[in-house]
């Protein structure tokens, strides 16, 4: 993680990915209400993109743990399943 604070427009210096995003938040919980442990008013549609959530706190993830941006696919599988389900009804 880069040194200092993570702002809405912060990006990874290596790959350019948005850092202030749901998948990088310690409250991100696929399967819970709006995929968040916090009580948010409306869902964030794209969990990989930056957002204005005031609850954001960077998740601490061990490299190679199989979760989050560190190389895991559990969040990807859950997102793909949600996308396929939503495609049925859109």
PDB file of N, CA and C in Angstrom:
ATOM      1  N   UNK A   1       0.854  -1.171   0.000  1.00  0.00           N
ATOM      2  CA  UNK A   1       0.000   0.000   0.000  1.00  0.00           C
ATOM      3  C   UNK A   1       0.898   1.231   0.000  1.00  0.00           C
ATOM      4  N   UNK A   2       0.509   2.257  -0.771  1.00  0.00           N
ATOM      5  CA  UNK A   2       1.332   3.458  -0.796  1.00  0.00           C
ATOM      6  C   UNK A   2       1.324   4.151   0.554  1.00  0.00           C
ATOM      7  N   UNK A   3       2.381   4.897   0.801  1.00  0.00           N
ATOM      8  CA  UNK A   3       2.457   5.621   2.062  1.00  0.00           C
ATOM      9  C   UNK A   3       1.449   6.762   2.063  1.00  0.00           C
ATOM     10  N   UNK A   4       0.944   7.120   3.248  1.00  0.00           N
ATOM     11  CA  UNK A   4       0.015   8.231   3.375  1.00  0.00           C
ATOM     12  C   UNK A   4      -1.423   7.780   3.300  1.00  0.00           C
ATOM     13  N   UNK A   5      -2.301   8.758   3.170  1.00  0.00           N
ATOM     14  CA  UNK A   5      -3.732   8.496   3.132  1.00  0.00           C
ATOM     15  C   UNK A   5      -4.184   8.060   1.750  1.00  0.00           C
ATOM     16  N   UNK A   6      -5.311   7.362   1.724  1.00  0.00           N
ATOM     17  CA  UNK A   6      -5.930   6.981   0.457  1.00  0.00           C
ATOM     18  C   UNK A   6      -7.121   7.907   0.247  1.00  0.00           C
ATOM     19  N   UNK A   7      -7.075   8.640  -0.861  1.00  0.00           N
ATOM     20  CA  UNK A   7      -8.144   9.565  -1.219  1.00  0.00           C
ATOM     21  C   UNK A   7      -8.988   8.953  -2.330  1.00  0.00           C
ATOM     22  N   UNK A   8     -10.120   9.574  -2.640  1.00  0.00           N
ATOM     23  CA  UNK A   8     -11.016   9.043  -3.651  1.00  0.00           C
ATOM     24  C   UNK A   8     -10.314   8.836  -4.984  1.00  0.00           C
ATOM     25  N   UNK A   9      -9.395   9.690  -5.334  1.00  0.00           N
ATOM     26  CA  UNK A   9      -8.729   9.591  -6.633  1.00  0.00           C
ATOM     27  C   UNK A   9      -7.365   8.889  -6.565  1.00  0.00           C
ATOM     28  N   UNK A  10      -7.041   8.248  -5.438  1.00  0.00           N
ATOM     29  CA  UNK A  10      -5.771   7.533  -5.302  1.00  0.00           C
ATOM     30  C   UNK A  10      -5.768   6.283  -6.176  1.00  0.00           C
ATOM     31  N   UNK A  11      -4.633   6.043  -6.814  1.00  0.00           N
ATOM     32  CA  UNK A  11      -4.490   4.854  -7.645  1.00  0.00           C
ATOM     33  C   UNK A  11      -3.216   4.111  -7.276  1.00  0.00           C
ATOM     34  N   UNK A  12      -3.167   2.850  -7.630  1.00  0.00           N
ATOM     35  CA  UNK A  12      -1.981   2.032  -7.396  1.00  0.00           C
ATOM     36  C   UNK A  12      -0.863   2.520  -8.306  1.00  0.00           C
ATOM     37  N   UNK A  13       0.321   2.782  -7.744  1.00  0.00           N
ATOM     38  CA  UNK A  13       1.425   3.257  -8.581  1.00  0.00           C
ATOM     39  C   UNK A  13       1.944   2.197  -9.554  1.00  0.00           C
ATOM     40  N   UNK A  14       1.638   0.931  -9.311  1.00  0.00           N
ATOM     41  CA  UNK A  14       2.111  -0.148 -10.187  1.00  0.00           C
ATOM     42  C   UNK A  14       1.148  -0.467 -11.320  1.00  0.00           C
ATOM     43  N   UNK A  15      -0.145  -0.594 -11.005  1.00  0.00           N
ATOM     44  CA  UNK A  15      -1.098  -1.038 -12.026  1.00  0.00           C
ATOM     45  C   UNK A  15      -2.151   0.004 -12.381  1.00  0.00           C
ATOM     46  N   UNK A  16      -2.250   1.084 -11.598  1.00  0.00           N
ATOM     47  CA  UNK A  16      -3.226   2.135 -11.894  1.00  0.00           C
ATOM     48  C   UNK A  16      -4.627   1.860 -11.397  1.00  0.00           C
ATOM     49  N   UNK A  17      -4.841   0.782 -10.644  1.00  0.00           N
ATOM     50  CA  UNK A  17      -6.170   0.463 -10.118  1.00  0.00           C
ATOM     51  C   UNK A  17      -6.582   1.474  -9.057  1.00  0.00           C
ATOM     52  N   UNK A  18      -7.885   1.746  -8.986  1.00  0.00           N
ATOM     53  CA  UNK A  18      -8.412   2.649  -7.956  1.00  0.00           C
ATOM     54  C   UNK A  18      -8.209   2.015  -6.582  1.00  0.00           C
ATOM     55  N   UNK A  19      -7.762   2.798  -5.617  1.00  0.00           N
ATOM     56  CA  UNK A  19      -7.530   2.281  -4.272  1.00  0.00           C
ATOM     57  C   UNK A  19      -8.730   2.491  -3.350  1.00  0.00           C
ATOM     58  N   UNK A  20      -9.451   3.614  -3.523  1.00  0.00           N
ATOM     59  CA  UNK A  20     -10.614   3.915  -2.676  1.00  0.00           C
ATOM     60  C   UNK A  20     -11.830   3.222  -3.285  1.00  0.00           C
ATOM     61  N   UNK A  21     -11.851   1.886  -3.196  1.00  0.00           N
ATOM     62  CA  UNK A  21     -12.925   1.091  -3.782  1.00  0.00           C
ATOM     63  C   UNK A  21     -13.390   0.046  -2.774  1.00  0.00           C
ATOM     64  N   UNK A  22     -14.567  -0.490  -3.032  1.00  0.00           N
ATOM     65  CA  UNK A  22     -15.144  -1.464  -2.101  1.00  0.00           C
ATOM     66  C   UNK A  22     -14.237  -2.668  -1.879  1.00  0.00           C
ATOM     67  N   UNK A  23     -13.652  -3.189  -2.949  1.00  0.00           N
ATOM     68  CA  UNK A  23     -12.856  -4.404  -2.787  1.00  0.00           C
ATOM     69  C   UNK A  23     -11.600  -4.187  -1.957  1.00  0.00           C
ATOM     70  N   UNK A  24     -11.214  -2.945  -1.749  1.00  0.00           N
ATOM     71  CA  UNK A  24     -10.043  -2.637  -0.926  1.00  0.00           C
ATOM     72  C   UNK A  24     -10.426  -2.172   0.474  1.00  0.00           C
ATOM     73  N   UNK A  25     -11.693  -2.249   0.811  1.00  0.00           N
ATOM     74  CA  UNK A  25     -12.181  -1.753   2.101  1.00  0.00           C
ATOM     75  C   UNK A  25     -12.316  -2.889   3.112  1.00  0.00           C
ATOM     76  N   UNK A  26     -12.004  -2.598   4.356  1.00  0.00           N
ATOM     77  CA  UNK A  26     -12.114  -3.630   5.395  1.00  0.00           C
ATOM     78  C   UNK A  26     -13.567  -4.013   5.673  1.00  0.00           C
ATOM     79  N   UNK A  27     -14.529  -3.186   5.261  1.00  0.00           N
ATOM     80  CA  UNK A  27     -15.943  -3.477   5.475  1.00  0.00           C
ATOM     81  C   UNK A  27     -16.572  -4.249   4.315  1.00  0.00           C
ATOM     82  N   UNK A  28     -15.829  -4.477   3.231  1.00  0.00           N
ATOM     83  CA  UNK A  28     -16.355  -5.201   2.078  1.00  0.00           C
ATOM     84  C   UNK A  28     -16.641  -6.639   2.480  1.00  0.00           C
ATOM     85  N   UNK A  29     -17.879  -7.068   2.246  1.00  0.00           N
ATOM     86  CA  UNK A  29     -18.298  -8.412   2.638  1.00  0.00           C
ATOM     87  C   UNK A  29     -19.290  -8.953   1.614  1.00  0.00           C
ATOM     88  N   UNK A  30     -18.783  -9.606   0.562  1.00  0.00           N
ATOM     89  CA  UNK A  30     -19.690 -10.157  -0.448  1.00  0.00           C
ATOM     90  C   UNK A  30     -20.741 -11.055   0.185  1.00  0.00           C
ATOM     91  N   UNK A  31     -21.988 -10.848  -0.222  1.00  0.00           N
ATOM     92  CA  UNK A  31     -23.094 -11.635   0.309  1.00  0.00           C
ATOM     93  C   UNK A  31     -23.886 -10.933   1.391  1.00  0.00           C
ATOM     94  N   UNK A  32     -23.288  -9.946   2.054  1.00  0.00           N
ATOM     95  CA  UNK A  32     -24.044  -9.207   3.058  1.00  0.00           C
ATOM     96  C   UNK A  32     -24.828  -8.091   2.357  1.00  0.00           C
ATOM     97  N   UNK A  33     -25.662  -7.383   3.104  1.00  0.00           N
ATOM     98  CA  UNK A  33     -26.511  -6.335   2.532  1.00  0.00           C
ATOM     99  C   UNK A  33     -25.644  -5.298   1.822  1.00  0.00           C
ATOM    100  N   UNK A  34     -25.862  -5.132   0.516  1.00  0.00           N
ATOM    101  CA  UNK A  34     -25.059  -4.243  -0.334  1.00  0.00           C
ATOM    102  C   UNK A  34     -23.569  -4.586  -0.287  1.00  0.00           C
ATOM    103  N   UNK A  35     -23.252  -5.799   0.094  1.00  0.00           N
ATOM    104  CA  UNK A  35     -21.861  -6.290   0.176  1.00  0.00           C
ATOM    105  C   UNK A  35     -20.996  -5.467   1.118  1.00  0.00           C
ATOM    106  N   UNK A  36     -21.605  -4.952   2.187  1.00  0.00           N
ATOM    107  CA  UNK A  36     -20.880  -4.105   3.123  1.00  0.00           C
ATOM    108  C   UNK A  36     -21.331  -4.381   4.552  1.00  0.00           C
ATOM    109  N   UNK A  37     -20.370  -4.408   5.482  1.00  0.00           N
ATOM    110  CA  UNK A  37     -20.709  -4.591   6.895  1.00  0.00           C
ATOM    111  C   UNK A  37     -21.240  -3.304   7.516  1.00  0.00           C
ATOM    112  N   UNK A  38     -21.025  -2.171   6.869  1.00  0.00           N
ATOM    113  CA  UNK A  38     -21.561  -0.907   7.367  1.00  0.00           C
ATOM    114  C   UNK A  38     -22.982  -0.709   6.833  1.00  0.00           C
ATOM    115  N   UNK A  39     -23.735   0.148   7.489  1.00  0.00           N
ATOM    116  CA  UNK A  39     -25.092   0.438   7.053  1.00  0.00           C
ATOM    117  C   UNK A  39     -25.042   1.586   6.053  1.00  0.00           C
ATOM    118  N   UNK A  40     -25.011   1.239   4.782  1.00  0.00           N
ATOM    119  CA  UNK A  40     -24.958   2.253   3.735  1.00  0.00           C
ATOM    120  C   UNK A  40     -26.352   2.449   3.156  1.00  0.00           C
ATOM    121  N   UNK A  41     -26.620   3.652   2.664  1.00  0.00           N
ATOM    122  CA  UNK A  41     -27.957   4.012   2.182  1.00  0.00           C
ATOM    123  C   UNK A  41     -28.282   3.407   0.822  1.00  0.00           C
ATOM    124  N   UNK A  42     -27.315   3.345  -0.081  1.00  0.00           N
ATOM    125  CA  UNK A  42     -27.556   2.792  -1.403  1.00  0.00           C
ATOM    126  C   UNK A  42     -26.337   1.995  -1.850  1.00  0.00           C
ATOM    127  N   UNK A  43     -26.563   1.006  -2.707  1.00  0.00           N
ATOM    128  CA  UNK A  43     -25.451   0.150  -3.111  1.00  0.00           C
ATOM    129  C   UNK A  43     -24.462   0.857  -4.024  1.00  0.00           C
ATOM    130  N   UNK A  44     -23.231   0.419  -3.953  1.00  0.00           N
ATOM    131  CA  UNK A  44     -22.198   0.854  -4.896  1.00  0.00           C
ATOM    132  C   UNK A  44     -22.197  -0.205  -5.995  1.00  0.00           C
ATOM    133  N   UNK A  45     -22.464   0.206  -7.224  1.00  0.00           N
ATOM    134  CA  UNK A  45     -22.616  -0.754  -8.328  1.00  0.00           C
ATOM    135  C   UNK A  45     -21.298  -1.405  -8.732  1.00  0.00           C
ATOM    136  N   UNK A  46     -20.251  -0.615  -8.921  1.00  0.00           N
ATOM    137  CA  UNK A  46     -18.968  -1.168  -9.366  1.00  0.00           C
ATOM    138  C   UNK A  46     -18.010  -1.187  -8.187  1.00  0.00           C
ATOM    139  N   UNK A  47     -17.796  -2.349  -7.639  1.00  0.00           N
ATOM    140  CA  UNK A  47     -16.984  -2.506  -6.428  1.00  0.00           C
ATOM    141  C   UNK A  47     -15.492  -2.297  -6.681  1.00  0.00           C
ATOM    142  N   UNK A  48     -15.071  -2.318  -7.944  1.00  0.00           N
ATOM    143  CA  UNK A  48     -13.654  -2.143  -8.292  1.00  0.00           C
ATOM    144  C   UNK A  48     -13.271  -0.700  -8.547  1.00  0.00           C
ATOM    145  N   UNK A  49     -14.230   0.184  -8.693  1.00  0.00           N
ATOM    146  CA  UNK A  49     -13.957   1.579  -9.024  1.00  0.00           C
ATOM    147  C   UNK A  49     -14.024   2.454  -7.768  1.00  0.00           C
ATOM    148  N   UNK A  50     -13.373   3.606  -7.839  1.00  0.00           N
ATOM    149  CA  UNK A  50     -13.389   4.526  -6.692  1.00  0.00           C
ATOM    150  C   UNK A  50     -14.815   5.018  -6.445  1.00  0.00           C
ATOM    151  N   UNK A  51     -15.075   5.393  -5.192  1.00  0.00           N
ATOM    152  CA  UNK A  51     -16.411   5.866  -4.821  1.00  0.00           C
ATOM    153  C   UNK A  51     -16.285   6.891  -3.693  1.00  0.00           C
ATOM    154  N   UNK A  52     -17.424   7.435  -3.295  1.00  0.00           N
ATOM    155  CA  UNK A  52     -17.443   8.492  -2.285  1.00  0.00           C
ATOM    156  C   UNK A  52     -17.837   7.991  -0.896  1.00  0.00           C
ATOM    157  N   UNK A  53     -17.739   6.716  -0.630  1.00  0.00           N
ATOM    158  CA  UNK A  53     -18.167   6.154   0.648  1.00  0.00           C
ATOM    159  C   UNK A  53     -17.360   6.746   1.811  1.00  0.00           C
ATOM    160  N   UNK A  54     -18.083   7.252   2.805  1.00  0.00           N
ATOM    161  CA  UNK A  54     -17.434   7.827   3.983  1.00  0.00           C
ATOM    162  C   UNK A  54     -16.946   6.769   4.974  1.00  0.00           C
ATOM    163  N   UNK A  55     -17.403   5.522   4.818  1.00  0.00           N
ATOM    164  CA  UNK A  55     -17.011   4.452   5.728  1.00  0.00           C
ATOM    165  C   UNK A  55     -15.690   3.803   5.336  1.00  0.00           C
ATOM    166  N   UNK A  56     -15.149   4.117   4.158  1.00  0.00           N
ATOM    167  CA  UNK A  56     -13.963   3.434   3.631  1.00  0.00           C
ATOM    168  C   UNK A  56     -12.802   3.435   4.616  1.00  0.00           C
ATOM    169  N   UNK A  57     -12.277   2.245   4.854  1.00  0.00           N
ATOM    170  CA  UNK A  57     -11.048   2.046   5.621  1.00  0.00           C
ATOM    171  C   UNK A  57     -10.262   0.974   4.866  1.00  0.00           C
ATOM    172  N   UNK A  58      -8.989   1.207   4.588  1.00  0.00           N
ATOM    173  CA  UNK A  58      -8.206   0.230   3.818  1.00  0.00           C
ATOM    174  C   UNK A  58      -8.166  -1.129   4.516  1.00  0.00           C
ATOM    175  N   UNK A  59      -8.392  -2.159   3.735  1.00  0.00           N
ATOM    176  CA  UNK A  59      -8.293  -3.519   4.256  1.00  0.00           C
ATOM    177  C   UNK A  59      -6.822  -3.895   4.376  1.00  0.00           C
ATOM    178  N   UNK A  60      -6.493  -4.657   5.391  1.00  0.00           N
ATOM    179  CA  UNK A  60      -5.137  -5.160   5.558  1.00  0.00           C
ATOM    180  C   UNK A  60      -5.171  -6.603   5.085  1.00  0.00           C
ATOM    181  N   UNK A  61      -4.500  -6.845   3.949  1.00  0.00           N
ATOM    182  CA  UNK A  61      -4.545  -8.162   3.326  1.00  0.00           C
ATOM    183  C   UNK A  61      -3.123  -8.667   3.139  1.00  0.00           C
ATOM    184  N   UNK A  62      -2.865  -9.862   3.600  1.00  0.00           N
ATOM    185  CA  UNK A  62      -1.548 -10.471   3.403  1.00  0.00           C
ATOM    186  C   UNK A  62      -1.398 -10.862   1.943  1.00  0.00           C
ATOM    187  N   UNK A  63      -0.252 -10.579   1.375  1.00  0.00           N
ATOM    188  CA  UNK A  63      -0.012 -10.921  -0.027  1.00  0.00           C
ATOM    189  C   UNK A  63      -0.182 -12.416  -0.241  1.00  0.00           C
ATOM    190  N   UNK A  64      -0.973 -12.762  -1.267  1.00  0.00           N
ATOM    191  CA  UNK A  64      -1.189 -14.163  -1.592  1.00  0.00           C
ATOM    192  C   UNK A  64      -2.175 -14.863  -0.686  1.00  0.00           C
ATOM    193  N   UNK A  65      -2.967 -14.110   0.084  1.00  0.00           N
ATOM    194  CA  UNK A  65      -3.910 -14.730   1.009  1.00  0.00           C
ATOM    195  C   UNK A  65      -5.135 -15.287   0.311  1.00  0.00           C
ATOM    196  N   UNK A  66      -5.323 -14.924  -0.983  1.00  0.00           N
ATOM    197  CA  UNK A  66      -6.478 -15.432  -1.705  1.00  0.00           C
ATOM    198  C   UNK A  66      -7.691 -14.544  -1.579  1.00  0.00           C
ATOM    199  N   UNK A  67      -7.528 -13.336  -1.068  1.00  0.00           N
ATOM    200  CA  UNK A  67      -8.652 -12.415  -0.957  1.00  0.00           C
ATOM    201  C   UNK A  67      -8.255 -11.058  -1.494  1.00  0.00           C
ATOM    202  N   UNK A  68      -9.225 -10.282  -1.885  1.00  0.00           N
ATOM    203  CA  UNK A  68      -8.986  -8.909  -2.322  1.00  0.00           C
ATOM    204  C   UNK A  68      -8.079  -8.807  -3.530  1.00  0.00           C
ATOM    205  N   UNK A  69      -7.384  -7.699  -3.663  1.00  0.00           N
ATOM    206  CA  UNK A  69      -6.523  -7.461  -4.811  1.00  0.00           C
ATOM    207  C   UNK A  69      -5.224  -8.242  -4.751  1.00  0.00           C
ATOM    208  N   UNK A  70      -4.965  -8.913  -3.669  1.00  0.00           N
ATOM    209  CA  UNK A  70      -3.699  -9.629  -3.514  1.00  0.00           C
ATOM    210  C   UNK A  70      -3.648 -10.898  -4.344  1.00  0.00           C
ATOM    211  N   UNK A  71      -4.642 -11.103  -5.204  1.00  0.00           N
ATOM    212  CA  UNK A  71      -4.584 -12.241  -6.101  1.00  0.00           C
ATOM    213  C   UNK A  71      -5.690 -13.245  -5.885  1.00  0.00           C
ATOM    214  N   UNK A  72      -6.670 -12.931  -5.095  1.00  0.00           N
ATOM    215  CA  UNK A  72      -7.742 -13.866  -4.842  1.00  0.00           C
ATOM    216  C   UNK A  72      -8.813 -13.811  -5.893  1.00  0.00           C
ATOM    217  N   UNK A  73      -9.651 -14.847  -5.921  1.00  0.00           N
ATOM    218  CA  UNK A  73     -10.724 -14.879  -6.888  1.00  0.00           C
ATOM    219  C   UNK A  73     -12.081 -15.038  -6.224  1.00  0.00           C
ATOM    220  N   UNK A  74     -12.140 -15.104  -4.905  1.00  0.00           N
ATOM    221  CA  UNK A  74     -13.427 -15.266  -4.220  1.00  0.00           C
ATOM    222  C   UNK A  74     -14.337 -14.081  -4.501  1.00  0.00           C
ATOM    223  N   UNK A  75     -13.798 -12.879  -4.430  1.00  0.00           N
ATOM    224  CA  UNK A  75     -14.602 -11.691  -4.728  1.00  0.00           C
ATOM    225  C   UNK A  75     -14.995 -11.637  -6.189  1.00  0.00           C
ATOM    226  N   UNK A  76     -14.101 -12.079  -7.079  1.00  0.00           N
ATOM    227  CA  UNK A  76     -14.390 -12.106  -8.513  1.00  0.00           C
ATOM    228  C   UNK A  76     -15.524 -13.076  -8.809  1.00  0.00           C
ATOM    229  N   UNK A  77     -15.498 -14.241  -8.199  1.00  0.00           N
ATOM    230  CA  UNK A  77     -16.550 -15.230  -8.421  1.00  0.00           C
ATOM    231  C   UNK A  77     -17.896 -14.708  -7.935  1.00  0.00           C
ATOM    232  N   UNK A  78     -17.902 -14.087  -6.768  1.00  0.00           N
ATOM    233  CA  UNK A  78     -19.144 -13.549  -6.227  1.00  0.00           C
ATOM    234  C   UNK A  78     -19.676 -12.438  -7.124  1.00  0.00           C
ATOM    235  N   UNK A  79     -18.790 -11.573  -7.617  1.00  0.00           N
ATOM    236  CA  UNK A  79     -19.223 -10.484  -8.491  1.00  0.00           C
ATOM    237  C   UNK A  79     -19.751 -11.025  -9.812  1.00  0.00           C
ATOM    238  N   UNK A  80     -19.097 -12.025 -10.374  1.00  0.00           N
ATOM    239  CA  UNK A  80     -19.561 -12.622 -11.628  1.00  0.00           C
ATOM    240  C   UNK A  80     -20.933 -13.262 -11.446  1.00  0.00           C
ATOM    241  N   UNK A  81     -21.140 -13.920 -10.313  1.00  0.00           N
ATOM    242  CA  UNK A  81     -22.434 -14.531 -10.035  1.00  0.00           C
ATOM    243  C   UNK A  81     -23.517 -13.470  -9.908  1.00  0.00           C
ATOM    244  N   UNK A  82     -23.217 -12.372  -9.205  1.00  0.00           N
ATOM    245  CA  UNK A  82     -24.187 -11.272  -9.075  1.00  0.00           C
ATOM    246  C   UNK A  82     -24.500 -10.660 -10.438  1.00  0.00           C
ATOM    247  N   UNK A  83     -23.459 -10.461 -11.246  1.00  0.00           N
ATOM    248  CA  UNK A  83     -23.657  -9.876 -12.573  1.00  0.00           C
ATOM    249  C   UNK A  83     -24.538 -10.771 -13.450  1.00  0.00           C
ATOM    250  N   UNK A  84     -24.300 -12.081 -13.396  1.00  0.00           N
ATOM    251  CA  UNK A  84     -25.107 -13.011 -14.178  1.00  0.00           C
ATOM    252  C   UNK A  84     -26.564 -12.996 -13.692  1.00  0.00           C
ATOM    253  N   UNK A  85     -26.765 -12.957 -12.403  1.00  0.00           N
ATOM    254  CA  UNK A  85     -28.107 -12.904 -11.843  1.00  0.00           C
ATOM    255  C   UNK A  85     -28.811 -11.611 -12.261  1.00  0.00           C
ATOM    256  N   UNK A  86     -28.123 -10.490 -12.135  1.00  0.00           N
ATOM    257  CA  UNK A  86     -28.718  -9.203 -12.507  1.00  0.00           C
ATOM    258  C   UNK A  86     -29.006  -9.118 -13.996  1.00  0.00           C
ATOM    259  N   UNK A  87     -28.211  -9.781 -14.821  1.00  0.00           N
ATOM    260  CA  UNK A  87     -28.437  -9.783 -16.262  1.00  0.00           C
ATOM    261  C   UNK A  87     -29.749 -10.480 -16.617  1.00  0.00           C
ATOM    262  N   UNK A  88     -30.158 -11.416 -15.794  1.00  0.00           N
ATOM    263  CA  UNK A  88     -31.423 -12.113 -16.037  1.00  0.00           C
ATOM    264  C   UNK A  88     -32.622 -11.177 -15.912  1.00  0.00           C
ATOM    265  N   UNK A  89     -32.509 -10.178 -15.085  1.00  0.00           N
ATOM    266  CA  UNK A  89     -33.648  -9.318 -14.780  1.00  0.00           C
ATOM    267  C   UNK A  89     -33.517  -7.900 -15.288  1.00  0.00           C
ATOM    268  N   UNK A  90     -32.523  -7.623 -16.122  1.00  0.00           N
ATOM    269  CA  UNK A  90     -32.371  -6.252 -16.614  1.00  0.00           C
ATOM    270  C   UNK A  90     -32.892  -6.060 -18.002  1.00  0.00           C
TER     271      UNK A  90
END
